Amino acid sequence: MTSALETVQREFFAEGVYLNTASLGLPPRRVLDAVTGALEDWRTGRSSPPQFDADIAESRALFAGLVGVAADDVAIGSQVSAFVGLVAANLSDGSEVIVAQGEFTSVVFPFLAQAPRGVTVREVPLESIADAITERTALVAVSAAQSADGRVADLDAIRARAAQAEARVLVDLTQSAGWLPVDASLFDYTVCGGYKWLLAPRGTAFFTATAEAADELLPHAANWYAGAEPWNSIYGGPLRLAPTIRRFDLSPAWHSWVGQAPALRLLTEVGVETLHRHDVDLANRFRSAVGLAPSDSAIVSTAVTADAASTLQAAGIAAAMRAGRLRLSFHVNNTEEDADRAAEALRGVIVG
């Protein structure tokens, strides 16, 4: 019997071996078909802005199911940094924020920008975050999986220590949602970009918050789409925002959401537990073949020789260099053959 994973893998058509999901997700056929159809409707004048609401609503609900929250606990936008900036702008003057050393800057810069208000950012090693939290700490901001090298944060330890210190926790799921099981309801805030592991066109992002944490946020970017009835919120006062976390919605990049809905449908059909096992198993298959230690991440980071770029090109392998190291990422589109071909091609340029 063909599994759901095997069925959806037929929708991917990469030339060569695509191991660069951590930079840009590979679109399945259903995403391309949906976006192409929407662009044709736009070209021929058949598009109407309200028609995109259905794709946004479906994406909101599917993402909620993927990360274990209710749809009413999910806000949508186009960039992670906008939601991190919302949290940063609501910090009290003089607050301390802890981030991981080498964290992706969209999780760091919004807090550094608050320096004129006395907000301080303390960068500590990822493995030491929980121990670094003190009574002075107002917020911990960390990616569940690090962008540069795929290391997975000990979120349970961070959450437990933050609770003791009465600090908030913001988790960036951009490099993890879609392959790493995460319960977003356990954290004060989560943010996630959709164009990597969620396989959407660039221009979708999600934000979740607990009711208590959300109530502390002033909606600095209040706009028509955050209205209780968006299409009746496009002119004049008074302020009439949605009573749910939708009050933090940002005006959507419409055609990106046309692609996000079917992409999330595909991931949901396979299931996050299956995706986690598949992605990590492939990454470890590659690691074993080239002499690297096993890991709990779908992202492989390794030092390579100077000729690695030419080797990748000659072998038809799409990957990335991050923080001076080769980064490979394994996802739903990949197979054991991909892992084996990559190992055979790269074995000679990997230096550990």
Protein backbone atom coordinates (compact mmCIF):
# COMPACT_ATOMS: atom_id res chain seq x y z
CA MET A 1 0.00 0.00 0.00
CA THR A 2 1.31 3.44 -0.92
CA SER A 3 1.78 5.69 2.11
CA ALA A 4 0.65 9.31 2.30
CA LEU A 5 4.30 10.35 2.21
CA GLU A 6 5.01 8.38 -0.95
CA THR A 7 1.88 9.81 -2.57
CA VAL A 8 2.75 13.45 -1.95
CA GLN A 9 6.39 12.96 -2.94
CA ARG A 10 5.15 12.52 -6.51
CA GLU A 11 4.25 16.22 -6.49
CA PHE A 12 7.87 17.40 -6.35
CA PHE A 13 10.01 17.85 -9.44
CA ALA A 14 13.44 19.09 -8.37
CA GLU A 15 16.25 18.94 -10.90
CA GLY A 16 19.12 17.26 -9.11
CA VAL A 17 19.11 16.81 -5.32
CA TYR A 18 17.32 19.61 -3.49
CA LEU A 19 18.59 19.92 0.10
CA ASN A 20 17.92 23.61 0.67
CA THR A 21 14.50 23.75 2.33
CA ALA A 22 16.02 25.73 5.21
CA SER A 23 16.52 28.55 2.68
CA LEU A 24 13.49 28.10 0.44
CA GLY A 25 10.89 25.36 0.48
CA LEU A 26 10.32 23.37 -2.70
CA PRO A 27 6.73 23.83 -3.93
CA PRO A 28 4.63 20.74 -4.64
CA ARG A 29 2.49 20.56 -7.76
CA ARG A 30 -0.69 21.52 -5.93
CA VAL A 31 0.88 24.80 -4.79
CA LEU A 32 2.05 25.66 -8.29
CA ASP A 33 -1.37 24.82 -9.73
CA ALA A 34 -3.19 26.96 -7.17
CA VAL A 35 -0.90 29.97 -7.60
CA THR A 36 -0.88 29.68 -11.39
CA GLY A 37 -4.68 29.59 -11.41
CA ALA A 38 -4.89 32.64 -9.16
CA LEU A 39 -2.44 34.56 -11.32
CA GLU A 40 -4.47 33.68 -14.42
CA ASP A 41 -7.62 34.94 -12.69
CA TRP A 42 -5.75 38.15 -11.88
CA ARG A 43 -4.50 38.47 -15.49
CA THR A 44 -7.98 38.08 -16.93
CA GLY A 45 -9.73 40.32 -14.42
CA ARG A 46 -11.58 37.53 -12.63
CA SER A 47 -9.96 38.18 -9.24
CA SER A 48 -11.78 39.86 -6.36
CA PRO A 49 -9.91 40.63 -3.11
CA PRO A 50 -12.46 39.02 -0.74
CA GLN A 51 -12.03 35.67 -2.51
CA PHE A 52 -8.60 35.29 -0.87
CA ASP A 53 -10.17 35.18 2.60
CA ALA A 54 -10.98 31.48 2.19
CA ASP A 55 -7.32 30.58 1.59
CA ILE A 56 -6.26 32.65 4.59
CA ALA A 57 -8.89 31.08 6.84
CA GLU A 58 -7.91 27.59 5.74
CA SER A 59 -4.20 28.34 6.24
CA ARG A 60 -4.90 29.73 9.70
CA ALA A 61 -6.81 26.60 10.71
CA LEU A 62 -4.30 24.16 9.22
CA PHE A 63 -1.33 25.89 10.82
CA ALA A 64 -3.18 25.88 14.14
CA GLY A 65 -3.62 22.12 13.85
CA LEU A 66 0.04 21.67 12.96
CA VAL A 67 1.26 23.43 16.12
CA GLY A 68 -1.48 22.42 18.56
CA VAL A 69 -3.54 25.58 19.06
CA ALA A 70 -6.99 26.81 18.09
CA ALA A 71 -7.46 28.80 14.89
CA ASP A 72 -8.60 31.78 16.99
CA ASP A 73 -5.13 31.79 18.57
CA VAL A 74 -3.34 32.41 15.25
CA ALA A 75 -2.66 35.78 13.62
CA ILE A 76 -1.36 36.08 10.07
CA GLY A 77 1.07 38.41 8.37
CA SER A 78 3.88 38.42 5.84
CA GLN A 79 7.11 38.50 7.89
CA VAL A 80 8.35 37.07 11.16
CA SER A 81 10.17 40.27 12.10
CA ALA A 82 6.92 42.25 12.14
CA PHE A 83 5.52 40.01 14.87
CA VAL A 84 8.79 39.92 16.81
CA GLY A 85 8.80 43.71 16.53
CA LEU A 86 5.29 43.82 17.98
CA VAL A 87 6.48 41.93 21.06
CA ALA A 88 9.62 44.05 21.30
CA ALA A 89 7.70 47.32 21.11
CA ASN A 90 5.53 46.20 24.03
CA LEU A 91 8.41 45.46 26.41
CA SER A 92 8.72 47.73 29.42
CA ASP A 93 11.58 50.23 29.43
CA GLY A 94 14.75 48.66 30.80
CA SER A 95 13.71 45.06 30.07
CA GLU A 96 16.29 42.31 29.62
CA VAL A 97 15.93 39.92 26.69
CA ILE A 98 17.93 36.71 26.31
CA VAL A 99 18.68 35.32 22.85
CA ALA A 100 20.97 32.59 21.55
CA GLN A 101 24.39 33.48 20.23
CA GLY A 102 24.25 33.43 16.44
CA GLU A 103 20.44 33.60 16.41
CA PHE A 104 18.76 34.66 13.17
CA THR A 105 18.62 38.45 13.17
CA SER A 106 14.84 38.71 12.67
CA VAL A 107 14.63 37.36 16.23
CA VAL A 108 17.36 39.69 17.52
CA PHE A 109 17.24 43.03 15.70
CA PRO A 110 13.72 44.05 16.84
CA PHE A 111 14.92 43.87 20.46
CA LEU A 112 18.24 45.59 19.77
CA ALA A 113 16.25 48.42 18.16
CA GLN A 114 14.65 49.07 21.56
CA ALA A 115 17.99 50.10 23.09
CA PRO A 116 17.00 53.80 23.34
CA ARG A 117 14.36 52.69 25.87
CA GLY A 118 16.94 50.85 27.94
CA VAL A 119 16.05 47.38 26.64
CA THR A 120 19.14 45.16 26.81
CA VAL A 121 19.80 42.00 24.82
CA ARG A 122 21.99 39.29 26.33
CA GLU A 123 23.36 36.70 23.88
CA VAL A 124 24.26 33.35 25.44
CA PRO A 125 25.11 29.90 24.03
CA LEU A 126 21.99 28.03 22.96
CA GLU A 127 22.65 25.22 25.44
CA SER A 128 22.97 27.71 28.31
CA ILE A 129 19.78 29.71 27.81
CA ALA A 130 17.78 28.07 30.60
CA ASP A 131 20.61 28.57 33.09
CA ALA A 132 21.02 32.21 32.03
CA ILE A 133 17.45 33.21 32.92
CA THR A 134 17.26 35.31 36.08
CA GLU A 135 14.65 37.38 37.87
CA ARG A 136 15.79 40.34 35.70
CA THR A 137 14.84 38.55 32.50
CA ALA A 138 11.63 39.80 30.90
CA LEU A 139 11.71 37.65 27.77
CA VAL A 140 13.57 34.79 26.13
CA ALA A 141 13.50 34.79 22.31
CA VAL A 142 14.83 31.65 20.63
CA SER A 143 14.38 29.55 17.51
CA ALA A 144 13.21 26.00 18.10
CA ALA A 145 15.81 24.97 15.50
CA GLN A 146 18.70 27.26 14.74
CA SER A 147 18.89 28.63 11.22
CA ALA A 148 22.67 28.41 10.91
CA ASP A 149 23.19 24.82 11.96
CA GLY A 150 19.87 23.17 12.87
CA ARG A 151 20.58 22.70 16.58
CA VAL A 152 17.32 22.07 18.45
CA ALA A 153 16.71 24.14 21.57
CA ASP A 154 15.78 22.50 24.87
CA LEU A 155 12.41 24.24 24.94
CA ASP A 156 11.16 22.28 27.95
CA ALA A 157 14.06 23.49 30.10
CA ILE A 158 13.73 27.05 28.85
CA ARG A 159 9.99 27.11 29.50
CA ALA A 160 10.37 25.65 33.00
CA ARG A 161 13.06 28.10 34.07
CA ALA A 162 11.23 31.05 32.49
CA ALA A 163 8.09 30.15 34.44
CA GLN A 164 10.08 30.19 37.68
CA ALA A 165 11.47 33.62 36.83
CA GLU A 166 8.11 34.90 35.50
CA ALA A 167 9.70 35.64 32.13
CA ARG A 168 7.90 35.42 28.81
CA VAL A 169 9.10 33.05 26.06
CA LEU A 170 8.95 33.72 22.31
CA VAL A 171 9.79 30.78 20.04
CA ASP A 172 10.54 31.14 16.34
CA LEU A 173 9.20 28.07 14.51
CA THR A 174 10.40 29.09 11.04
CA GLN A 175 13.05 26.35 10.87
CA SER A 176 10.98 23.74 12.68
CA ALA A 177 7.23 23.86 12.02
CA GLY A 178 6.55 21.26 9.36
CA TRP A 179 9.01 18.68 10.64
CA LEU A 180 9.53 19.15 14.40
CA PRO A 181 6.53 18.47 16.68
CA VAL A 182 5.98 21.60 18.77
CA ASP A 183 3.05 22.54 21.00
CA ALA A 184 2.78 26.29 20.51
CA SER A 185 0.20 26.58 23.29
CA LEU A 186 3.00 26.04 25.83
CA PHE A 187 4.74 29.30 24.93
CA ASP A 188 3.71 32.91 25.38
CA TYR A 189 4.42 33.72 21.75
CA THR A 190 5.45 31.84 18.62
CA VAL A 191 6.28 33.18 15.18
CA CYS A 192 6.74 31.30 11.92
CA GLY A 193 7.54 32.14 8.31
CA GLY A 194 5.81 29.98 5.71
CA TYR A 195 8.25 29.93 2.80
CA LYS A 196 10.66 27.31 4.14
CA TRP A 197 9.42 24.08 5.73
CA LEU A 198 5.76 25.08 5.16
CA LEU A 199 6.41 25.15 1.38
CA ALA A 200 4.58 28.40 0.58
CA PRO A 201 5.53 31.31 -1.66
CA ARG A 202 7.37 33.98 0.32
CA GLY A 203 4.91 36.34 1.97
CA THR A 204 3.14 34.31 4.67
CA ALA A 205 3.81 34.30 8.40
CA PHE A 206 2.02 33.20 11.56
CA PHE A 207 1.89 34.46 15.13
CA THR A 208 0.44 32.73 18.17
CA ALA A 209 0.06 33.97 21.73
CA THR A 210 -1.58 32.79 24.90
CA ALA A 211 -4.61 34.83 25.97
CA GLU A 212 -2.72 36.34 28.90
CA ALA A 213 0.32 37.28 26.81
CA ALA A 214 -1.82 38.67 23.99
CA ASP A 215 -3.72 40.91 26.39
CA GLU A 216 -0.44 42.65 27.25
CA LEU A 217 0.20 43.68 23.63
CA LEU A 218 -0.84 47.00 22.18
CA PRO A 219 -1.59 46.36 18.48
CA HIS A 220 0.91 48.87 17.11
CA ALA A 221 0.27 47.80 13.51
CA ALA A 222 -3.55 47.89 13.74
CA ASN A 223 -4.99 47.86 10.23
CA TRP A 224 -8.15 47.12 8.29
CA TYR A 225 -7.53 43.36 8.09
CA ALA A 226 -7.33 43.15 11.87
CA GLY A 227 -10.87 44.49 12.13
CA ALA A 228 -13.70 42.45 13.61
CA GLU A 229 -15.23 42.59 10.12
CA PRO A 230 -12.29 43.39 7.81
CA TRP A 231 -14.33 44.45 4.81
CA ASN A 232 -16.35 46.79 7.00
CA SER A 233 -13.21 48.18 8.64
CA ILE A 234 -11.63 49.95 5.69
CA TYR A 235 -12.66 53.54 6.43
CA GLY A 236 -12.71 55.78 9.48
CA GLY A 237 -13.03 55.28 13.23
CA PRO A 238 -13.82 54.15 15.78
CA LEU A 239 -11.25 51.43 16.41
CA ARG A 240 -13.04 48.11 15.88
CA LEU A 241 -10.50 45.30 16.03
CA ALA A 242 -11.25 41.58 16.25
CA PRO A 243 -11.71 40.32 19.83
CA THR A 244 -9.41 37.33 19.15
CA ILE A 245 -5.71 37.31 18.32
CA ARG A 246 -6.81 38.19 14.81
CA ARG A 247 -6.55 41.80 16.04
CA PHE A 248 -2.82 41.43 15.30
CA ASP A 249 -3.38 40.31 11.69
CA LEU A 250 -1.44 42.21 9.06
CA SER A 251 -2.80 42.97 5.61
CA PRO A 252 -2.09 39.79 3.62
CA ALA A 253 0.01 39.26 0.51
CA TRP A 254 -2.91 37.60 -1.24
CA HIS A 255 -1.33 35.31 -3.80
CA SER A 256 1.11 33.89 -1.26
CA TRP A 257 -1.83 32.61 0.78
CA VAL A 258 -3.26 30.89 -2.29
CA GLY A 259 -0.12 28.76 -2.18
CA GLN A 260 0.08 28.40 1.59
CA ALA A 261 -3.28 26.66 1.98
CA PRO A 262 -2.57 23.66 -0.29
CA ALA A 263 0.98 23.37 1.09
CA LEU A 264 -0.35 23.03 4.62
CA ARG A 265 -2.93 20.57 3.35
CA LEU A 266 -0.13 18.40 2.01
CA LEU A 267 1.87 18.52 5.25
CA THR A 268 -1.26 17.72 7.25
CA GLU A 269 -2.01 14.70 5.03
CA VAL A 270 1.41 13.26 5.85
CA GLY A 271 1.37 14.28 9.53
CA VAL A 272 4.06 15.99 11.57
CA GLU A 273 5.13 12.81 13.38
CA THR A 274 5.76 11.07 10.05
CA LEU A 275 7.53 14.14 8.70
CA HIS A 276 9.72 14.33 11.78
CA ARG A 277 10.75 10.70 11.53
CA HIS A 278 11.31 10.93 7.75
CA ASP A 279 13.33 14.15 7.81
CA VAL A 280 15.56 13.27 10.76
CA ASP A 281 16.12 9.71 9.51
CA LEU A 282 17.30 11.01 6.14
CA ALA A 283 19.58 13.57 7.77
CA ASN A 284 21.08 10.84 9.96
CA ARG A 285 21.42 8.50 7.00
CA PHE A 286 23.54 11.18 5.35
CA ARG A 287 25.49 11.84 8.56
CA SER A 288 26.31 8.16 9.00
CA ALA A 289 27.46 7.81 5.39
CA VAL A 290 29.96 10.69 5.69
CA GLY A 291 31.17 9.91 9.21
CA LEU A 292 29.25 12.52 11.19
CA ALA A 293 27.60 11.84 14.53
CA PRO A 294 23.80 11.37 14.58
CA SER A 295 21.57 14.26 15.60
CA ASP A 296 17.96 15.12 16.39
CA SER A 297 17.69 17.67 13.56
CA ALA A 298 16.59 17.61 9.92
CA ILE A 299 19.35 20.15 9.24
CA VAL A 300 22.96 19.04 8.78
CA SER A 301 25.78 21.54 9.30
CA THR A 302 29.38 20.62 8.62
CA ALA A 303 32.74 22.16 7.82
CA VAL A 304 33.89 21.57 4.25
CA THR A 305 36.93 22.13 2.08
CA ALA A 306 37.32 25.16 -0.16
CA ASP A 307 36.22 23.25 -3.26
CA ALA A 308 32.84 22.28 -1.79
CA ALA A 309 30.91 24.78 -3.92
CA SER A 310 32.21 23.35 -7.19
CA THR A 311 31.52 19.82 -5.94
CA LEU A 312 27.92 20.73 -5.13
CA GLN A 313 27.43 22.30 -8.55
CA ALA A 314 28.94 19.38 -10.41
CA ALA A 315 26.75 16.90 -8.50
CA GLY A 316 23.57 18.94 -8.97
CA ILE A 317 23.03 19.38 -5.23
CA ALA A 318 21.21 22.48 -3.97
CA ALA A 319 22.36 23.48 -0.48
CA ALA A 320 23.60 26.59 1.33
CA MET A 321 26.61 27.96 3.16
CA ARG A 322 25.71 29.44 6.54
CA ALA A 323 28.08 30.72 9.26
CA GLY A 324 31.02 29.39 7.23
CA ARG A 325 29.68 25.83 7.07
CA LEU A 326 27.75 23.75 4.58
CA ARG A 327 24.07 23.44 5.51
CA LEU A 328 21.89 20.65 4.13
CA SER A 329 18.19 20.31 4.97
CA PHE A 330 16.06 17.21 4.42
CA HIS A 331 12.30 17.43 4.03
CA VAL A 332 9.19 15.80 2.59
CA ASN A 333 10.43 16.01 -1.01
CA ASN A 334 13.60 14.04 -0.24
CA THR A 335 14.24 10.29 -0.48
CA GLU A 336 16.89 7.84 0.70
CA GLU A 337 18.37 8.09 -2.80
CA ASP A 338 18.84 11.84 -2.28
CA ALA A 339 20.69 11.26 0.99
CA ASP A 340 22.88 8.59 -0.60
CA ARG A 341 23.69 10.66 -3.69
CA ALA A 342 24.60 13.64 -1.54
CA ALA A 343 26.82 11.52 0.69
CA GLU A 344 28.61 9.97 -2.27
CA ALA A 345 29.26 13.39 -3.82
CA LEU A 346 30.27 15.22 -0.65
CA ARG A 347 32.20 12.59 1.30
CA GLY A 348 35.50 13.93 0.02
CA VAL A 349 34.89 17.60 0.94
CA ILE A 350 33.52 17.17 4.46
CA VAL A 351 36.01 17.82 7.23
CA GLY A 352 33.66 17.42 10.22
